[in-house]
Amino acid sequence: MKIQIEYFALLKEQRGISIETIETKAANPEILYSDLKRQYSFSLEPSMLKLAVNEDFANWDYSLKDGDTVVFIPPVAGG
């Protein structure tokens, strides 16, 4: 299935882009993030992130569907 992923803050810096569409077989965002973390060497653990799917906050065990948009939201420091 095709999933659109949006990255912000540190994840955006580490990935080098803010949005991408990927093909995945990940059943849920937890597996998806694990795959991405391994592939791109993300430094943040899932427990440090908020998750949104299709513009609504979601649980890590949400069943992904073709066409979903997933946003991993890291802590953001202001200044």
Protein backbone atom coordinates (compact mmCIF):
# COMPACT_ATOMS: atom_id res chain seq x y z
CA MET A 1 0.00 0.00 0.00
CA LYS A 2 1.05 3.61 -0.49
CA ILE A 3 1.33 5.80 2.61
CA GLN A 4 2.19 9.49 2.72
CA ILE A 5 4.50 10.42 5.59
CA GLU A 6 5.14 13.91 6.93
CA TYR A 7 8.16 14.74 9.06
CA PHE A 8 8.67 17.70 11.39
CA ALA A 9 11.49 19.16 13.49
CA LEU A 10 14.28 16.67 14.27
CA LEU A 11 12.81 13.91 12.08
CA LYS A 12 12.65 16.33 9.16
CA GLU A 13 16.30 17.24 9.75
CA GLN A 14 17.37 13.61 10.01
CA ARG A 15 15.41 12.50 6.94
CA GLY A 16 16.28 15.59 4.89
CA ILE A 17 12.75 16.04 3.54
CA SER A 18 9.39 17.03 5.00
CA ILE A 19 7.06 14.73 3.04
CA GLU A 20 7.26 11.52 1.05
CA THR A 21 5.05 8.75 -0.27
CA ILE A 22 6.27 5.21 0.28
CA GLU A 23 5.19 1.66 -0.45
CA THR A 24 4.90 -0.36 2.76
CA LYS A 25 3.54 -3.58 4.12
CA ALA A 26 3.53 -2.23 7.70
CA ALA A 27 0.25 -3.10 9.42
CA ASN A 28 0.35 -0.13 11.79
CA PRO A 29 2.33 3.05 12.55
CA GLU A 30 4.41 1.27 15.19
CA ILE A 31 5.81 -1.14 12.61
CA LEU A 32 6.10 1.65 10.03
CA TYR A 33 8.13 3.86 12.39
CA SER A 34 10.33 0.92 13.38
CA ASP A 35 11.10 0.30 9.70
CA LEU A 36 11.78 3.99 9.04
CA LYS A 37 13.91 4.34 12.20
CA ARG A 38 16.09 1.45 11.09
CA GLN A 39 16.30 2.70 7.49
CA TYR A 40 17.04 6.36 8.26
CA SER A 41 18.72 6.04 11.69
CA PHE A 42 16.14 8.21 13.45
CA SER A 43 17.31 8.98 16.98
CA LEU A 44 13.88 9.34 18.61
CA GLU A 45 12.05 6.45 20.21
CA PRO A 46 8.31 6.07 19.53
CA SER A 47 7.55 6.95 23.16
CA MET A 48 8.87 10.45 22.45
CA LEU A 49 6.52 11.04 19.51
CA LYS A 50 2.89 11.92 18.98
CA LEU A 51 1.15 10.33 16.05
CA ALA A 52 -1.52 11.57 13.67
CA VAL A 53 -3.19 9.68 10.84
CA ASN A 54 -5.31 11.58 8.33
CA GLU A 55 -5.15 14.75 10.45
CA ASP A 56 -6.42 13.08 13.66
CA PHE A 57 -4.36 11.91 16.60
CA ALA A 58 -4.13 8.12 16.51
CA ASN A 59 -2.85 5.14 18.46
CA TRP A 60 0.27 3.27 17.42
CA ASP A 61 -1.80 0.15 16.70
CA TYR A 62 -4.08 1.93 14.17
CA SER A 63 -4.60 -0.33 11.12
CA LEU A 64 -3.00 1.46 8.19
CA LYS A 65 -4.85 1.63 4.90
CA ASP A 66 -3.77 2.51 1.38
CA GLY A 67 -3.75 6.28 0.98
CA ASP A 68 -3.36 7.15 4.67
CA THR A 69 -1.28 10.17 5.67
CA VAL A 70 0.88 9.53 8.73
CA VAL A 71 2.56 12.30 10.72
CA PHE A 72 5.17 11.56 13.36
CA ILE A 73 5.30 14.58 15.69
CA PRO A 74 8.48 14.95 17.76
CA PRO A 75 8.88 17.23 20.76
CA VAL A 76 9.39 20.81 19.62
CA ALA A 77 11.49 23.32 21.53
CA GLY A 78 10.61 26.97 21.23
CA GLY A 79 12.92 29.88 21.46
